[in-house]
Amino acid sequence: MRLKLLCLPVLLLLMALPAAATEELLQFESAEQQQLYRQLTAELRCPKCQNQNIADSNAVVAVDMRNKTLELVRQGQSHDQVIDYMKQRYGDFVHYQPPVQFSTIWLWLLPLLAVLALGFTVFRRSNSSQTVIEDDVPSDQNGLDAQLQAMIDEATTANRHQPKE
């Protein structure tokens, strides 16, 4: 029984060793380099995963990008230099903040145009419904009185002409 109780923790420890062996330890010359590396890996997008940054992705291309970022940071390159290198290699998509260019301007303007079109449609419909309501209702009190008197006269005339039983 004691042997079984001792084997369980040892077995759990042996199972955890491969996980600890795969953890990557990165060495930096300064805390600024480490901070820059973390910022860049959080800011660069994985081309394969598309919605993950390279720090969170385990795709092969993300691992390559992390290694290249580490190499460039260790060489002393600045934030903008590393971003420019990655954009040249993988395109503008790799950065979460794409630049405004003539070819991508529709991405920025399309939501604005959709909101304007919706507002214009709502405005036109509300004006047309108000116009219809105003046309159905006579504008002056005399017109209402005249219509009411005509209806009363018509009803009394119809009652006079009906045969009595």
N, C-alpha and C. Protein backbone atom coordinates (compact mmCIF):
# COMPACT_ATOMS: atom_id res chain seq x y z
N MET A 1 0.82 -1.19 0.00
CA MET A 1 0.00 0.00 0.00
C MET A 1 0.87 1.26 0.00
N ARG A 2 1.93 1.23 0.84
CA ARG A 2 2.83 2.39 0.90
C ARG A 2 3.53 2.58 -0.44
N LEU A 3 3.83 1.50 -1.08
CA LEU A 3 4.51 1.57 -2.36
C LEU A 3 3.63 2.29 -3.40
N LYS A 4 2.33 2.00 -3.38
CA LYS A 4 1.41 2.66 -4.30
C LYS A 4 1.31 4.16 -4.01
N LEU A 5 1.31 4.53 -2.74
CA LEU A 5 1.23 5.94 -2.38
C LEU A 5 2.49 6.69 -2.79
N LEU A 6 3.63 6.06 -2.75
CA LEU A 6 4.88 6.68 -3.17
C LEU A 6 4.99 6.74 -4.69
N CYS A 7 4.45 5.78 -5.37
CA CYS A 7 4.56 5.73 -6.83
C CYS A 7 3.76 6.84 -7.50
N LEU A 8 2.64 7.21 -6.92
CA LEU A 8 1.79 8.21 -7.54
C LEU A 8 2.49 9.57 -7.70
N PRO A 9 3.10 10.15 -6.67
CA PRO A 9 3.81 11.43 -6.87
C PRO A 9 4.99 11.32 -7.82
N VAL A 10 5.69 10.21 -7.75
CA VAL A 10 6.84 10.02 -8.64
C VAL A 10 6.37 9.92 -10.09
N LEU A 11 5.28 9.22 -10.30
CA LEU A 11 4.72 9.08 -11.63
C LEU A 11 4.26 10.44 -12.18
N LEU A 12 3.60 11.24 -11.34
CA LEU A 12 3.18 12.58 -11.76
C LEU A 12 4.37 13.47 -12.08
N LEU A 13 5.42 13.37 -11.29
CA LEU A 13 6.63 14.15 -11.54
C LEU A 13 7.28 13.75 -12.86
N LEU A 14 7.33 12.48 -13.14
CA LEU A 14 7.91 12.02 -14.40
C LEU A 14 7.08 12.45 -15.61
N MET A 15 5.76 12.54 -15.43
CA MET A 15 4.91 12.99 -16.53
C MET A 15 5.07 14.48 -16.80
N ALA A 16 5.44 15.25 -15.80
CA ALA A 16 5.59 16.69 -15.96
C ALA A 16 6.94 17.08 -16.55
N LEU A 17 7.92 16.21 -16.52
CA LEU A 17 9.26 16.53 -17.03
C LEU A 17 9.27 16.89 -18.52
N PRO A 18 8.59 16.16 -19.40
CA PRO A 18 8.63 16.59 -20.81
C PRO A 18 8.03 17.98 -21.04
N ALA A 19 7.02 18.33 -20.29
CA ALA A 19 6.43 19.66 -20.44
C ALA A 19 7.41 20.74 -20.01
N ALA A 20 8.15 20.51 -18.97
CA ALA A 20 9.13 21.49 -18.51
C ALA A 20 10.31 21.56 -19.46
N ALA A 21 10.64 20.46 -20.11
CA ALA A 21 11.77 20.44 -21.03
C ALA A 21 11.49 21.23 -22.30
N THR A 22 10.23 21.36 -22.68
CA THR A 22 9.92 22.09 -23.91
C THR A 22 9.80 23.59 -23.69
N GLU A 23 9.78 24.05 -22.46
CA GLU A 23 9.65 25.47 -22.20
C GLU A 23 10.93 26.18 -22.63
N GLU A 24 10.76 27.23 -23.37
CA GLU A 24 11.86 27.96 -23.96
C GLU A 24 12.30 29.09 -23.02
N LEU A 25 13.59 29.13 -22.72
CA LEU A 25 14.13 30.20 -21.87
C LEU A 25 14.90 31.15 -22.76
N LEU A 26 14.48 32.39 -22.78
CA LEU A 26 15.12 33.40 -23.61
C LEU A 26 16.01 34.27 -22.75
N GLN A 27 17.19 34.53 -23.25
CA GLN A 27 18.15 35.37 -22.54
C GLN A 27 18.27 36.71 -23.27
N PHE A 28 18.17 37.78 -22.50
CA PHE A 28 18.28 39.12 -23.04
C PHE A 28 19.40 39.86 -22.32
N GLU A 29 19.99 40.82 -23.00
CA GLU A 29 21.06 41.62 -22.41
C GLU A 29 20.51 42.66 -21.44
N SER A 30 19.28 43.12 -21.67
CA SER A 30 18.71 44.15 -20.81
C SER A 30 17.20 43.95 -20.69
N ALA A 31 16.65 44.63 -19.72
CA ALA A 31 15.19 44.57 -19.54
C ALA A 31 14.47 45.28 -20.68
N GLU A 32 15.10 46.28 -21.30
CA GLU A 32 14.50 46.99 -22.43
C GLU A 32 14.34 46.05 -23.62
N GLN A 33 15.34 45.21 -23.86
CA GLN A 33 15.25 44.25 -24.96
C GLN A 33 14.12 43.24 -24.70
N GLN A 34 14.01 42.80 -23.47
CA GLN A 34 12.96 41.85 -23.13
C GLN A 34 11.57 42.50 -23.32
N GLN A 35 11.43 43.73 -22.88
CA GLN A 35 10.17 44.45 -23.04
C GLN A 35 9.85 44.67 -24.51
N LEU A 36 10.84 45.04 -25.31
CA LEU A 36 10.64 45.24 -26.74
C LEU A 36 10.21 43.94 -27.42
N TYR A 37 10.85 42.83 -27.06
CA TYR A 37 10.50 41.53 -27.63
C TYR A 37 9.05 41.17 -27.30
N ARG A 38 8.66 41.35 -26.06
CA ARG A 38 7.28 41.04 -25.67
C ARG A 38 6.28 41.93 -26.40
N GLN A 39 6.60 43.20 -26.53
CA GLN A 39 5.71 44.13 -27.23
C GLN A 39 5.57 43.74 -28.70
N LEU A 40 6.68 43.40 -29.34
CA LEU A 40 6.64 43.05 -30.76
C LEU A 40 5.89 41.74 -30.99
N THR A 41 6.11 40.74 -30.15
CA THR A 41 5.41 39.47 -30.36
C THR A 41 3.91 39.60 -30.09
N ALA A 42 3.52 40.56 -29.27
CA ALA A 42 2.09 40.79 -29.05
C ALA A 42 1.48 41.63 -30.17
N GLU A 43 2.30 42.39 -30.87
CA GLU A 43 1.82 43.32 -31.89
C GLU A 43 1.82 42.73 -33.29
N LEU A 44 2.59 41.67 -33.50
CA LEU A 44 2.66 41.06 -34.83
C LEU A 44 1.68 39.91 -34.94
N ARG A 45 0.99 39.82 -36.06
CA ARG A 45 -0.06 38.83 -36.30
C ARG A 45 0.53 37.61 -37.03
N CYS A 46 0.06 36.45 -36.65
CA CYS A 46 0.46 35.21 -37.31
C CYS A 46 -0.22 35.14 -38.68
N PRO A 47 0.53 34.99 -39.76
CA PRO A 47 -0.09 34.92 -41.09
C PRO A 47 -0.97 33.69 -41.29
N LYS A 48 -0.68 32.62 -40.59
CA LYS A 48 -1.48 31.40 -40.74
C LYS A 48 -2.74 31.45 -39.88
N CYS A 49 -2.60 31.86 -38.63
CA CYS A 49 -3.74 31.86 -37.70
C CYS A 49 -4.65 33.06 -37.91
N GLN A 50 -4.13 34.16 -38.33
CA GLN A 50 -4.82 35.39 -38.69
C GLN A 50 -5.45 36.15 -37.53
N ASN A 51 -5.89 35.50 -36.48
CA ASN A 51 -6.48 36.22 -35.36
C ASN A 51 -5.68 36.02 -34.08
N GLN A 52 -4.48 35.56 -34.21
CA GLN A 52 -3.60 35.39 -33.06
C GLN A 52 -2.30 36.12 -33.31
N ASN A 53 -1.75 36.64 -32.23
CA ASN A 53 -0.43 37.23 -32.39
C ASN A 53 0.61 36.11 -32.34
N ILE A 54 1.84 36.43 -32.69
CA ILE A 54 2.86 35.38 -32.78
C ILE A 54 3.28 34.88 -31.40
N ALA A 55 2.99 35.63 -30.35
CA ALA A 55 3.31 35.17 -29.00
C ALA A 55 2.40 34.02 -28.58
N ASP A 56 1.16 34.02 -29.04
CA ASP A 56 0.18 33.00 -28.65
C ASP A 56 0.08 31.84 -29.62
N SER A 57 0.62 31.98 -30.81
CA SER A 57 0.45 30.96 -31.84
C SER A 57 1.59 29.95 -31.79
N ASN A 58 1.27 28.69 -32.08
CA ASN A 58 2.28 27.64 -32.16
C ASN A 58 2.49 27.19 -33.59
N ALA A 59 1.99 27.94 -34.57
CA ALA A 59 2.19 27.60 -35.97
C ALA A 59 3.68 27.74 -36.30
N VAL A 60 4.11 26.99 -37.30
CA VAL A 60 5.52 27.00 -37.68
C VAL A 60 5.98 28.40 -38.09
N VAL A 61 5.14 29.10 -38.85
CA VAL A 61 5.51 30.44 -39.29
C VAL A 61 5.60 31.40 -38.10
N ALA A 62 4.75 31.22 -37.09
CA ALA A 62 4.81 32.07 -35.90
C ALA A 62 6.09 31.81 -35.11
N VAL A 63 6.49 30.55 -35.03
CA VAL A 63 7.75 30.22 -34.34
C VAL A 63 8.92 30.85 -35.08
N ASP A 64 8.90 30.78 -36.42
CA ASP A 64 9.96 31.41 -37.21
C ASP A 64 9.97 32.93 -37.01
N MET A 65 8.79 33.52 -36.96
CA MET A 65 8.72 34.96 -36.75
C MET A 65 9.22 35.35 -35.36
N ARG A 66 8.89 34.56 -34.36
CA ARG A 66 9.40 34.84 -33.00
C ARG A 66 10.92 34.74 -32.96
N ASN A 67 11.47 33.70 -33.61
CA ASN A 67 12.92 33.54 -33.64
C ASN A 67 13.60 34.71 -34.36
N LYS A 68 13.02 35.14 -35.48
CA LYS A 68 13.60 36.26 -36.21
C LYS A 68 13.47 37.56 -35.41
N THR A 69 12.34 37.73 -34.72
CA THR A 69 12.16 38.91 -33.87
C THR A 69 13.20 38.92 -32.77
N LEU A 70 13.42 37.77 -32.15
CA LEU A 70 14.43 37.67 -31.10
C LEU A 70 15.81 38.02 -31.65
N GLU A 71 16.12 37.51 -32.82
CA GLU A 71 17.42 37.78 -33.44
C GLU A 71 17.58 39.28 -33.73
N LEU A 72 16.54 39.91 -34.27
CA LEU A 72 16.62 41.34 -34.60
C LEU A 72 16.72 42.19 -33.34
N VAL A 73 16.01 41.81 -32.29
CA VAL A 73 16.08 42.56 -31.03
C VAL A 73 17.47 42.43 -30.42
N ARG A 74 18.02 41.23 -30.47
CA ARG A 74 19.38 41.03 -29.93
C ARG A 74 20.42 41.80 -30.73
N GLN A 75 20.16 42.03 -32.02
CA GLN A 75 21.07 42.82 -32.85
C GLN A 75 20.98 44.31 -32.53
N GLY A 76 19.97 44.70 -31.76
CA GLY A 76 19.84 46.10 -31.36
C GLY A 76 18.93 46.92 -32.26
N GLN A 77 18.13 46.27 -33.10
CA GLN A 77 17.23 47.02 -33.97
C GLN A 77 16.06 47.57 -33.16
N SER A 78 15.52 48.68 -33.64
CA SER A 78 14.43 49.36 -32.93
C SER A 78 13.08 48.70 -33.28
N HIS A 79 12.07 49.17 -32.59
CA HIS A 79 10.70 48.68 -32.81
C HIS A 79 10.28 48.86 -34.26
N ASP A 80 10.46 50.06 -34.80
CA ASP A 80 10.05 50.36 -36.17
C ASP A 80 10.84 49.55 -37.19
N GLN A 81 12.12 49.32 -36.92
CA GLN A 81 12.94 48.54 -37.85
C GLN A 81 12.46 47.09 -37.91
N VAL A 82 12.11 46.52 -36.78
CA VAL A 82 11.62 45.14 -36.76
C VAL A 82 10.27 45.05 -37.46
N ILE A 83 9.38 46.01 -37.20
CA ILE A 83 8.07 46.03 -37.85
C ILE A 83 8.24 46.17 -39.36
N ASP A 84 9.12 47.05 -39.80
CA ASP A 84 9.36 47.23 -41.24
C ASP A 84 9.90 45.95 -41.87
N TYR A 85 10.81 45.28 -41.18
CA TYR A 85 11.35 44.02 -41.70
C TYR A 85 10.24 42.98 -41.88
N MET A 86 9.39 42.85 -40.86
CA MET A 86 8.31 41.86 -40.93
C MET A 86 7.28 42.23 -42.01
N LYS A 87 7.01 43.51 -42.19
CA LYS A 87 6.09 43.94 -43.24
C LYS A 87 6.66 43.65 -44.62
N GLN A 88 7.96 43.86 -44.79
CA GLN A 88 8.59 43.57 -46.07
C GLN A 88 8.56 42.08 -46.38
N ARG A 89 8.72 41.29 -45.36
CA ARG A 89 8.77 39.84 -45.56
C ARG A 89 7.39 39.21 -45.68
N TYR A 90 6.42 39.65 -44.87
CA TYR A 90 5.11 39.00 -44.83
C TYR A 90 3.96 39.88 -45.32
N GLY A 91 4.20 41.15 -45.56
CA GLY A 91 3.15 42.05 -46.03
C GLY A 91 2.55 42.86 -44.89
N ASP A 92 1.69 43.81 -45.25
CA ASP A 92 1.07 44.70 -44.26
C ASP A 92 0.14 43.97 -43.31
N PHE A 93 -0.37 42.82 -43.74
CA PHE A 93 -1.31 42.07 -42.93
C PHE A 93 -0.72 41.62 -41.60
N VAL A 94 0.60 41.48 -41.55
CA VAL A 94 1.26 40.95 -40.36
C VAL A 94 1.18 41.90 -39.17
N HIS A 95 0.90 43.16 -39.44
CA HIS A 95 0.81 44.15 -38.37
C HIS A 95 -0.66 44.44 -38.10
N TYR A 96 -1.03 44.51 -36.82
CA TYR A 96 -2.43 44.72 -36.45
C TYR A 96 -2.94 46.12 -36.81
N GLN A 97 -2.06 47.06 -37.09
CA GLN A 97 -2.46 48.42 -37.46
C GLN A 97 -2.02 48.70 -38.89
N PRO A 98 -2.83 48.27 -39.88
CA PRO A 98 -2.42 48.47 -41.27
C PRO A 98 -2.45 49.94 -41.65
N PRO A 99 -1.59 50.34 -42.57
CA PRO A 99 -1.56 51.76 -42.97
C PRO A 99 -2.74 52.09 -43.88
N VAL A 100 -3.12 53.36 -43.91
CA VAL A 100 -4.17 53.83 -44.80
C VAL A 100 -3.51 54.12 -46.15
N GLN A 101 -3.92 53.36 -47.16
CA GLN A 101 -3.39 53.51 -48.51
C GLN A 101 -4.55 53.64 -49.47
N PHE A 102 -4.25 54.01 -50.71
CA PHE A 102 -5.30 54.15 -51.71
C PHE A 102 -6.02 52.82 -51.94
N SER A 103 -5.27 51.72 -51.92
CA SER A 103 -5.88 50.41 -52.17
C SER A 103 -6.72 49.92 -51.00
N THR A 104 -6.49 50.43 -49.81
CA THR A 104 -7.24 49.97 -48.63
C THR A 104 -8.18 51.03 -48.07
N ILE A 105 -8.35 52.13 -48.78
CA ILE A 105 -9.18 53.22 -48.26
C ILE A 105 -10.63 52.79 -48.13
N TRP A 106 -11.09 51.87 -48.97
CA TRP A 106 -12.48 51.43 -48.88
C TRP A 106 -12.76 50.69 -47.57
N LEU A 107 -11.74 50.07 -46.99
CA LEU A 107 -11.92 49.42 -45.69
C LEU A 107 -12.24 50.44 -44.60
N TRP A 108 -11.72 51.63 -44.76
CA TRP A 108 -11.94 52.68 -43.76
C TRP A 108 -13.24 53.43 -44.04
N LEU A 109 -13.59 53.58 -45.32
CA LEU A 109 -14.76 54.39 -45.68
C LEU A 109 -16.06 53.60 -45.75
N LEU A 110 -16.00 52.31 -45.98
CA LEU A 110 -17.21 51.51 -46.15
C LEU A 110 -18.15 51.58 -44.94
N PRO A 111 -17.68 51.45 -43.70
CA PRO A 111 -18.61 51.58 -42.57
C PRO A 111 -19.25 52.97 -42.50
N LEU A 112 -18.49 54.00 -42.79
CA LEU A 112 -19.03 55.37 -42.78
C LEU A 112 -20.11 55.54 -43.85
N LEU A 113 -19.86 55.03 -45.04
CA LEU A 113 -20.85 55.12 -46.11
C LEU A 113 -22.11 54.33 -45.78
N ALA A 114 -21.96 53.19 -45.14
CA ALA A 114 -23.13 52.38 -44.76
C ALA A 114 -24.00 53.13 -43.74
N VAL A 115 -23.37 53.78 -42.78
CA VAL A 115 -24.13 54.54 -41.77
C VAL A 115 -24.83 55.73 -42.42
N LEU A 116 -24.17 56.42 -43.32
CA LEU A 116 -24.79 57.55 -44.01
C LEU A 116 -25.98 57.10 -44.87
N ALA A 117 -25.83 55.98 -45.57
CA ALA A 117 -26.93 55.48 -46.40
C ALA A 117 -28.12 55.07 -45.53
N LEU A 118 -27.86 54.45 -44.41
CA LEU A 118 -28.94 54.06 -43.50
C LEU A 118 -29.65 55.30 -42.95
N GLY A 119 -28.90 56.30 -42.55
CA GLY A 119 -29.49 57.54 -42.04
C GLY A 119 -30.33 58.24 -43.09
N PHE A 120 -29.85 58.27 -44.33
CA PHE A 120 -30.59 58.91 -45.41
C PHE A 120 -31.90 58.16 -45.67
N THR A 121 -31.85 56.82 -45.66
CA THR A 121 -33.06 56.03 -45.88
C THR A 121 -34.08 56.26 -44.78
N VAL A 122 -33.65 56.29 -43.55
CA VAL A 122 -34.57 56.53 -42.43
C VAL A 122 -35.18 57.93 -42.54
N PHE A 123 -34.38 58.91 -42.88
CA PHE A 123 -34.86 60.29 -43.03
C PHE A 123 -35.91 60.38 -44.14
N ARG A 124 -35.64 59.76 -45.29
CA ARG A 124 -36.59 59.80 -46.42
C ARG A 124 -37.90 59.12 -46.06
N ARG A 125 -37.83 57.98 -45.40
CA ARG A 125 -39.05 57.25 -45.04
C ARG A 125 -39.88 58.02 -44.01
N SER A 126 -39.21 58.65 -43.05
CA SER A 126 -39.97 59.41 -42.04
C SER A 126 -40.63 60.63 -42.67
N ASN A 127 -39.98 61.29 -43.61
CA ASN A 127 -40.58 62.44 -44.29
C ASN A 127 -41.74 62.03 -45.17
N SER A 128 -41.62 60.92 -45.87
CA SER A 128 -42.71 60.50 -46.77
C SER A 128 -43.93 60.05 -45.97
N SER A 129 -43.73 59.44 -44.81
CA SER A 129 -44.89 59.03 -44.01
C SER A 129 -45.58 60.25 -43.40
N GLN A 130 -44.85 61.26 -43.04
CA GLN A 130 -45.46 62.48 -42.51
C GLN A 130 -46.25 63.20 -43.61
N THR A 131 -45.78 63.20 -44.82
CA THR A 131 -46.46 63.84 -45.93
C THR A 131 -47.79 63.15 -46.21
N VAL A 132 -47.81 61.82 -46.18
CA VAL A 132 -49.04 61.08 -46.41
C VAL A 132 -50.06 61.38 -45.32
N ILE A 133 -49.65 61.43 -44.10
CA ILE A 133 -50.55 61.72 -42.98
C ILE A 133 -51.12 63.13 -43.11
N GLU A 134 -50.30 64.09 -43.48
CA GLU A 134 -50.76 65.47 -43.61
C GLU A 134 -51.72 65.63 -44.79
N ASP A 135 -51.56 64.85 -45.86
CA ASP A 135 -52.45 64.95 -47.02
C ASP A 135 -53.83 64.37 -46.71
N ASP A 136 -53.90 63.36 -45.85
CA ASP A 136 -55.17 62.73 -45.51
C ASP A 136 -56.03 63.61 -44.61
N VAL A 137 -55.44 64.47 -43.83
CA VAL A 137 -56.16 65.27 -42.86
C VAL A 137 -56.39 66.67 -43.44
N PRO A 138 -57.66 67.15 -43.47
CA PRO A 138 -57.90 68.52 -43.95
C PRO A 138 -57.21 69.52 -43.04
N SER A 139 -56.77 70.61 -43.63
CA SER A 139 -55.96 71.55 -42.88
C SER A 139 -56.77 72.55 -42.07
N ASP A 140 -58.04 72.82 -42.45
CA ASP A 140 -58.79 73.84 -41.72
C ASP A 140 -60.04 73.25 -41.06
N GLN A 141 -60.53 73.94 -40.07
CA GLN A 141 -61.69 73.48 -39.31
C GLN A 141 -62.96 73.57 -40.15
N ASN A 142 -63.04 74.55 -41.03
CA ASN A 142 -64.24 74.70 -41.89
C ASN A 142 -64.42 73.48 -42.78
N GLY A 143 -63.34 72.95 -43.28
CA GLY A 143 -63.42 71.76 -44.12
C GLY A 143 -63.97 70.58 -43.34
N LEU A 144 -63.54 70.45 -42.08
CA LEU A 144 -64.06 69.37 -41.24
C LEU A 144 -65.55 69.55 -40.97
N ASP A 145 -65.95 70.78 -40.67
CA ASP A 145 -67.36 71.06 -40.41
C ASP A 145 -68.20 70.76 -41.64
N ALA A 146 -67.71 71.13 -42.81
CA ALA A 146 -68.45 70.91 -44.04
C ALA A 146 -68.61 69.42 -44.31
N GLN A 147 -67.55 68.66 -44.08
CA GLN A 147 -67.63 67.21 -44.29
C GLN A 147 -68.61 66.58 -43.32
N LEU A 148 -68.57 66.99 -42.07
CA LEU A 148 -69.48 66.45 -41.06
C LEU A 148 -70.93 66.77 -41.40
N GLN A 149 -71.20 67.99 -41.83
CA GLN A 149 -72.57 68.39 -42.20
C GLN A 149 -73.05 67.60 -43.41
N ALA A 150 -72.17 67.36 -44.37
CA ALA A 150 -72.54 66.58 -45.56
C ALA A 150 -72.89 65.15 -45.17
N MET A 151 -72.15 64.58 -44.23
CA MET A 151 -72.44 63.22 -43.80
C MET A 151 -73.78 63.14 -43.05
N ILE A 152 -74.08 64.16 -42.25
CA ILE A 152 -75.36 64.20 -41.51
C ILE A 152 -76.53 64.35 -42.48
N ASP A 153 -76.37 65.24 -43.46
CA ASP A 153 -77.43 65.45 -44.44
C ASP A 153 -77.69 64.17 -45.24
N GLU A 154 -76.64 63.49 -45.60
CA GLU A 154 -76.77 62.26 -46.37
C GLU A 154 -77.49 61.19 -45.56
N ALA A 155 -77.17 61.10 -44.29
CA ALA A 155 -77.81 60.09 -43.43
C ALA A 155 -79.27 60.41 -43.22
N THR A 156 -79.62 61.66 -43.02
CA THR A 156 -81.03 62.01 -42.80
C THR A 156 -81.84 61.82 -44.08
N THR A 157 -81.24 62.12 -45.22
CA THR A 157 -81.92 61.92 -46.49
C THR A 157 -82.17 60.44 -46.73
N ALA A 158 -81.23 59.61 -46.40
CA ALA A 158 -81.38 58.18 -46.59
C ALA A 158 -82.47 57.64 -45.67
N ASN A 159 -82.60 58.18 -44.47
CA ASN A 159 -83.63 57.72 -43.53
C ASN A 159 -85.02 58.14 -44.02
N ARG A 160 -85.17 59.26 -44.66
CA ARG A 160 -86.47 59.72 -45.13
C ARG A 160 -86.99 58.88 -46.29
N HIS A 161 -86.07 58.41 -47.12
CA HIS A 161 -86.47 57.67 -48.30
C HIS A 161 -86.69 56.20 -48.04
N GLN A 162 -86.36 55.71 -46.88
CA GLN A 162 -86.58 54.29 -46.59
C GLN A 162 -88.06 54.08 -46.31
N PRO A 163 -88.65 52.99 -46.87
CA PRO A 163 -90.05 52.71 -46.60
C PRO A 163 -90.25 52.27 -45.17
N LYS A 164 -91.33 52.69 -44.56
CA LYS A 164 -91.64 52.33 -43.18
C LYS A 164 -92.48 51.08 -43.19
N GLU A 165 -92.27 50.23 -42.30
CA GLU A 165 -92.99 48.98 -42.21
C GLU A 165 -94.17 49.05 -41.31
